[in-house]
N, C-alpha and C. Protein backbone atom coordinates (compact mmCIF):
# COMPACT_ATOMS: atom_id res chain seq x y z
N MET A 1 -35.76 18.84 -22.33
CA MET A 1 -36.30 20.16 -21.30
C MET A 1 -36.92 19.81 -19.75
N ILE A 2 -36.84 20.54 -19.39
CA ILE A 2 -37.35 21.04 -17.98
C ILE A 2 -38.51 21.34 -17.65
N ILE A 3 -39.55 21.04 -16.99
CA ILE A 3 -40.60 21.90 -16.73
C ILE A 3 -40.66 21.96 -15.30
N VAL A 4 -40.72 23.02 -14.47
CA VAL A 4 -41.26 23.08 -13.35
C VAL A 4 -42.40 23.88 -13.46
N ALA A 5 -43.21 23.34 -12.40
CA ALA A 5 -44.80 23.54 -11.85
C ALA A 5 -45.33 23.59 -10.58
N GLY A 6 -46.17 23.74 -10.36
CA GLY A 6 -46.84 23.76 -9.36
C GLY A 6 -47.59 25.09 -8.60
N HIS A 7 -47.66 25.16 -7.13
CA HIS A 7 -48.15 26.24 -7.13
C HIS A 7 -47.70 26.59 -5.16
N ILE A 8 -47.60 27.80 -4.98
CA ILE A 8 -47.69 28.39 -3.76
C ILE A 8 -48.38 28.85 -2.66
N THR A 9 -48.93 28.94 -1.62
CA THR A 9 -49.85 29.74 -0.93
C THR A 9 -49.26 30.54 -0.23
N VAL A 10 -50.13 31.60 -0.16
CA VAL A 10 -49.70 32.84 0.50
C VAL A 10 -50.96 33.34 1.29
N GLU A 11 -50.85 34.51 2.18
CA GLU A 11 -52.25 34.82 2.37
C GLU A 11 -53.13 35.67 1.46
N PRO A 12 -54.17 35.22 1.19
CA PRO A 12 -54.76 36.06 -0.01
C PRO A 12 -54.56 37.84 0.29
N THR A 13 -54.19 38.66 1.20
CA THR A 13 -53.97 40.28 1.38
C THR A 13 -52.64 40.28 1.17
N GLN A 14 -51.82 39.11 0.93
CA GLN A 14 -50.45 39.35 0.46
C GLN A 14 -50.24 38.71 -0.98
N ARG A 15 -50.98 38.11 -1.65
CA ARG A 15 -50.81 37.67 -2.55
C ARG A 15 -50.24 38.90 -3.67
N ALA A 16 -51.25 40.23 -4.28
CA ALA A 16 -50.50 41.17 -5.05
C ALA A 16 -49.45 41.65 -4.75
N SER A 17 -48.90 41.97 -3.73
CA SER A 17 -47.45 42.41 -3.28
C SER A 17 -46.41 41.02 -3.37
N TYR A 18 -47.21 39.65 -3.18
CA TYR A 18 -45.80 38.60 -3.71
C TYR A 18 -45.60 38.97 -4.88
N LEU A 19 -46.53 38.92 -5.86
CA LEU A 19 -47.07 38.77 -7.36
C LEU A 19 -45.80 39.86 -8.14
N GLU A 20 -46.08 41.09 -7.13
CA GLU A 20 -45.03 42.26 -7.44
C GLU A 20 -43.69 42.09 -7.71
N GLY A 21 -43.04 41.50 -6.02
CA GLY A 21 -41.96 41.26 -6.00
C GLY A 21 -41.40 39.80 -7.34
N CYS A 22 -42.28 39.40 -7.93
CA CYS A 22 -42.09 38.18 -8.68
C CYS A 22 -41.59 38.94 -9.95
N VAL A 23 -42.03 40.30 -10.66
CA VAL A 23 -42.07 40.86 -11.65
C VAL A 23 -40.57 40.73 -12.04
N ILE A 24 -39.61 40.91 -11.23
CA ILE A 24 -38.07 40.88 -11.98
C ILE A 24 -37.65 39.65 -12.15
N ILE A 25 -38.37 38.57 -11.45
CA ILE A 25 -37.84 36.88 -11.39
C ILE A 25 -38.20 36.35 -13.05
N VAL A 26 -39.35 37.11 -13.14
CA VAL A 26 -39.75 36.30 -14.26
C VAL A 26 -39.14 37.34 -15.61
N GLU A 27 -38.55 38.81 -14.97
CA GLU A 27 -38.30 39.55 -16.75
C GLU A 27 -36.85 38.73 -16.65
N GLN A 28 -35.76 38.58 -16.01
CA GLN A 28 -34.82 38.06 -16.15
C GLN A 28 -34.57 36.50 -16.25
N ALA A 29 -35.69 35.79 -15.79
CA ALA A 29 -35.78 34.33 -16.77
C ALA A 29 -35.90 34.47 -18.35
N ARG A 30 -37.00 35.19 -18.38
CA ARG A 30 -37.12 35.52 -19.83
C ARG A 30 -35.91 35.89 -21.01
N GLU A 31 -35.32 36.63 -20.19
CA GLU A 31 -33.83 36.61 -21.24
C GLU A 31 -32.91 36.00 -20.72
N ALA A 32 -32.96 34.95 -19.98
CA ALA A 32 -31.85 33.94 -19.42
C ALA A 32 -31.92 32.94 -20.86
N ASP A 33 -30.63 32.86 -20.90
CA ASP A 33 -30.65 31.52 -22.00
C ASP A 33 -31.18 30.27 -21.24
N GLY A 34 -31.79 29.85 -22.63
CA GLY A 34 -32.08 27.96 -22.10
C GLY A 34 -34.12 28.42 -21.75
N CYS A 35 -34.51 29.49 -21.51
CA CYS A 35 -35.58 29.94 -20.99
C CYS A 35 -36.81 30.11 -22.00
N LEU A 36 -37.10 28.83 -21.82
CA LEU A 36 -38.42 28.92 -23.33
C LEU A 36 -39.95 29.53 -22.74
N ASP A 37 -39.89 29.49 -21.26
CA ASP A 37 -41.23 29.99 -20.50
C ASP A 37 -41.64 29.94 -19.39
N ILE A 38 -41.85 30.88 -18.83
CA ILE A 38 -42.01 31.22 -17.31
C ILE A 38 -43.36 32.07 -17.20
N ALA A 39 -44.16 31.48 -16.11
CA ALA A 39 -45.50 32.75 -15.65
C ALA A 39 -45.34 32.01 -14.39
N ILE A 40 -45.74 33.01 -13.65
CA ILE A 40 -45.99 33.25 -12.02
C ILE A 40 -47.25 33.97 -12.17
N SER A 41 -48.56 33.67 -11.81
CA SER A 41 -49.44 34.07 -11.74
C SER A 41 -50.40 33.77 -10.76
N ALA A 42 -51.62 35.06 -10.72
CA ALA A 42 -52.73 34.41 -9.29
C ALA A 42 -53.66 33.63 -10.38
N ASP A 43 -53.75 32.43 -9.35
CA ASP A 43 -54.61 31.56 -9.57
C ASP A 43 -56.42 32.02 -9.78
N LEU A 44 -57.08 31.76 -10.54
CA LEU A 44 -58.45 32.09 -10.82
C LEU A 44 -59.57 32.04 -9.81
N VAL A 45 -59.51 31.18 -8.94
CA VAL A 45 -60.44 30.64 -7.98
C VAL A 45 -60.12 30.76 -6.57
N ASP A 46 -58.79 30.65 -6.32
CA ASP A 46 -58.35 30.54 -4.62
C ASP A 46 -57.47 31.80 -4.59
N PRO A 47 -57.49 32.64 -3.99
CA PRO A 47 -57.26 33.95 -3.48
C PRO A 47 -56.00 33.74 -2.88
N GLY A 48 -55.53 32.68 -2.50
CA GLY A 48 -54.08 32.75 -1.62
C GLY A 48 -53.15 32.15 -2.90
N ARG A 49 -53.59 30.95 -3.45
CA ARG A 49 -52.82 30.58 -4.44
C ARG A 49 -52.19 31.01 -5.53
N ILE A 50 -50.57 31.00 -6.06
CA ILE A 50 -49.92 31.42 -7.12
C ILE A 50 -49.81 30.20 -8.06
N ASN A 51 -49.91 30.35 -8.94
CA ASN A 51 -49.81 29.26 -9.80
C ASN A 51 -48.04 29.20 -10.67
N ILE A 52 -47.47 28.48 -10.59
CA ILE A 52 -46.03 28.14 -11.34
C ILE A 52 -45.52 27.64 -12.49
N TYR A 53 -45.05 28.00 -13.57
CA TYR A 53 -44.81 27.12 -14.68
C TYR A 53 -43.97 27.59 -15.28
N GLU A 54 -42.71 26.99 -15.42
CA GLU A 54 -41.62 27.25 -16.62
C GLU A 54 -41.50 26.08 -17.16
N ARG A 55 -40.49 26.36 -18.07
CA ARG A 55 -40.04 25.53 -19.37
C ARG A 55 -38.53 25.90 -19.59
N TRP A 56 -37.77 25.02 -19.39
CA TRP A 56 -35.79 25.36 -19.82
C TRP A 56 -35.95 24.29 -20.92
N SER A 57 -34.77 24.65 -21.88
CA SER A 57 -33.85 23.84 -22.56
C SER A 57 -33.17 22.92 -21.76
N SER A 58 -32.96 23.05 -20.82
CA SER A 58 -32.30 21.94 -20.11
C SER A 58 -31.90 22.45 -18.52
N GLN A 59 -31.25 21.11 -17.96
CA GLN A 59 -31.09 21.03 -16.33
C GLN A 59 -29.83 22.07 -16.22
N GLN A 60 -29.22 22.24 -17.34
CA GLN A 60 -27.89 22.97 -16.98
C GLN A 60 -28.49 24.77 -17.20
N THR A 61 -29.24 24.95 -18.47
CA THR A 61 -29.66 26.28 -18.16
C THR A 61 -30.56 26.74 -17.39
N LEU A 62 -31.12 26.09 -16.36
CA LEU A 62 -32.15 26.24 -15.64
C LEU A 62 -31.40 26.20 -13.80
N ASP A 63 -30.28 25.53 -13.69
CA ASP A 63 -29.70 25.39 -13.19
C ASP A 63 -28.29 26.76 -12.82
N THR A 64 -27.94 27.47 -14.18
CA THR A 64 -27.30 28.36 -14.16
C THR A 64 -27.76 29.43 -13.86
N PHE A 65 -29.42 29.45 -14.15
CA PHE A 65 -30.17 31.04 -13.84
C PHE A 65 -30.77 30.81 -12.04
N ARG A 66 -30.78 29.99 -11.54
CA ARG A 66 -30.72 29.93 -10.53
C ARG A 66 -29.76 30.09 -9.45
N ARG A 67 -28.51 30.13 -10.03
CA ARG A 67 -27.43 30.23 -9.44
C ARG A 67 -27.03 31.82 -9.80
N THR A 68 -27.40 32.25 -11.02
CA THR A 68 -27.26 33.95 -11.26
C THR A 68 -28.31 34.48 -11.46
N GLY A 69 -29.49 34.46 -11.31
CA GLY A 69 -30.53 35.14 -11.01
C GLY A 69 -30.85 35.42 -9.86
N PRO A 70 -31.95 36.78 -9.71
CA PRO A 70 -32.04 37.08 -8.28
C PRO A 70 -32.21 36.45 -7.01
N GLY A 71 -32.30 36.89 -6.57
CA GLY A 71 -32.12 36.23 -4.54
C GLY A 71 -34.07 36.28 -4.77
N SER A 72 -34.34 35.04 -3.58
CA SER A 72 -35.62 35.58 -3.39
C SER A 72 -35.85 35.48 -1.67
N ASP A 73 -36.33 36.54 -1.40
CA ASP A 73 -36.51 36.97 0.21
C ASP A 73 -38.12 36.78 0.18
N GLN A 74 -38.90 36.33 -0.27
CA GLN A 74 -40.02 36.01 -0.26
C GLN A 74 -40.51 34.93 0.63
N GLY A 75 -39.87 33.68 0.48
CA GLY A 75 -40.07 33.00 1.44
C GLY A 75 -40.83 32.71 2.67
N GLU A 76 -40.47 34.11 3.53
CA GLU A 76 -41.41 33.80 4.92
C GLU A 76 -42.89 34.40 4.24
N ALA A 77 -43.15 34.47 3.10
CA ALA A 77 -44.74 34.66 3.04
C ALA A 77 -45.54 33.75 2.49
N MET A 78 -44.53 32.67 2.18
CA MET A 78 -44.91 31.43 1.87
C MET A 78 -45.82 30.65 2.62
N LEU A 79 -46.91 30.35 2.47
CA LEU A 79 -47.66 29.22 3.41
C LEU A 79 -47.08 28.06 3.17
N SER A 80 -47.49 27.07 2.05
CA SER A 80 -47.02 25.66 1.75
C SER A 80 -46.38 26.13 0.43
N VAL A 81 -45.76 25.36 -0.06
CA VAL A 81 -45.16 24.76 -1.78
C VAL A 81 -45.36 23.54 -1.78
N SER A 82 -45.69 23.50 -3.68
CA SER A 82 -45.56 22.53 -3.94
C SER A 82 -45.23 22.43 -5.31
N VAL A 83 -44.00 22.49 -5.93
CA VAL A 83 -43.57 22.78 -6.95
C VAL A 83 -42.66 21.77 -7.12
N GLU A 84 -42.62 21.18 -8.30
CA GLU A 84 -41.42 20.11 -8.98
C GLU A 84 -41.51 19.80 -10.17
N GLU A 85 -39.97 19.40 -10.86
CA GLU A 85 -39.68 19.60 -12.03
C GLU A 85 -39.49 18.32 -12.66
N TYR A 86 -39.76 18.61 -13.87
CA TYR A 86 -40.42 17.25 -14.70
C TYR A 86 -38.83 17.07 -15.78
N ASP A 87 -38.61 16.07 -16.18
CA ASP A 87 -37.76 15.73 -16.85
C ASP A 87 -38.70 15.69 -18.38
N ILE A 88 -38.75 16.37 -19.54
CA ILE A 88 -39.43 15.72 -20.46
C ILE A 88 -38.51 15.37 -21.50
N ALA A 89 -39.41 14.02 -22.23
CA ALA A 89 -38.19 13.66 -23.53
C ALA A 89 -38.63 13.64 -24.70
N GLU A 90 -39.91 14.28 -24.70
CA GLU A 90 -40.84 14.11 -26.07
C GLU A 90 -42.06 15.43 -26.12
N VAL A 91 -42.18 16.14 -26.95
CA VAL A 91 -43.42 17.27 -27.06
C VAL A 91 -44.03 16.73 -28.13
N ARG A 92 -45.20 17.00 -27.92
CA ARG A 92 -46.16 16.91 -29.06
C ARG A 92 -47.70 18.18 -28.77
N PRO A 93 -47.25 18.10 -30.14
CA PRO A 93 -48.14 19.99 -29.86
C PRO A 93 -49.65 19.20 -30.20
N LEU A 94 -50.48 19.87 -29.41
CA LEU A 94 -51.81 19.88 -29.47
C LEU A 94 -52.81 20.32 -30.39
N SER A 95 -51.74 21.48 -31.72
CA SER A 95 -53.02 21.72 -32.36
C SER A 95 -52.09 22.41 -33.43
N GLY A 96 -52.30 22.76 -34.14
CA GLY A 96 -51.39 23.28 -35.27
C GLY A 96 -50.34 22.35 -36.04
N LYS A 97 -49.69 23.05 -36.60
CA LYS A 97 -48.35 21.81 -37.34
C LYS A 97 -47.02 22.04 -36.31
N GLY A 98 -46.71 22.41 -34.96
CA GLY A 98 -45.49 21.66 -34.50
C GLY A 98 -45.20 23.26 -33.91
N LYS A 99 -45.87 24.48 -34.07
CA LYS A 99 -45.09 26.08 -33.80
C LYS A 99 -45.38 25.98 -31.98
N THR A 100 -44.43 26.35 -31.12
CA THR A 100 -44.57 26.85 -29.74
C THR A 100 -44.03 27.34 -29.82
């Protein structure tokens, strides 16, 4: 499993429009083979921060989506980016009996 997590920052006045532009990305990713979860959302305390979280079944499915998914012309709005990929070998549920 691959987890993509981190955040970007934009001007606080541009955050709402930036997130509106991400709706299509989230919709398409959630329909893509191998996407287990994705969220691009406003931070609760920092008005310029946007949190990124994705779970993919494999590096291959993530790479395929990146090649065929929507293009991103929002790069100019980004003031900073801190997003990383993590290779996950094991998953343990925190509650319940393993439903994810």
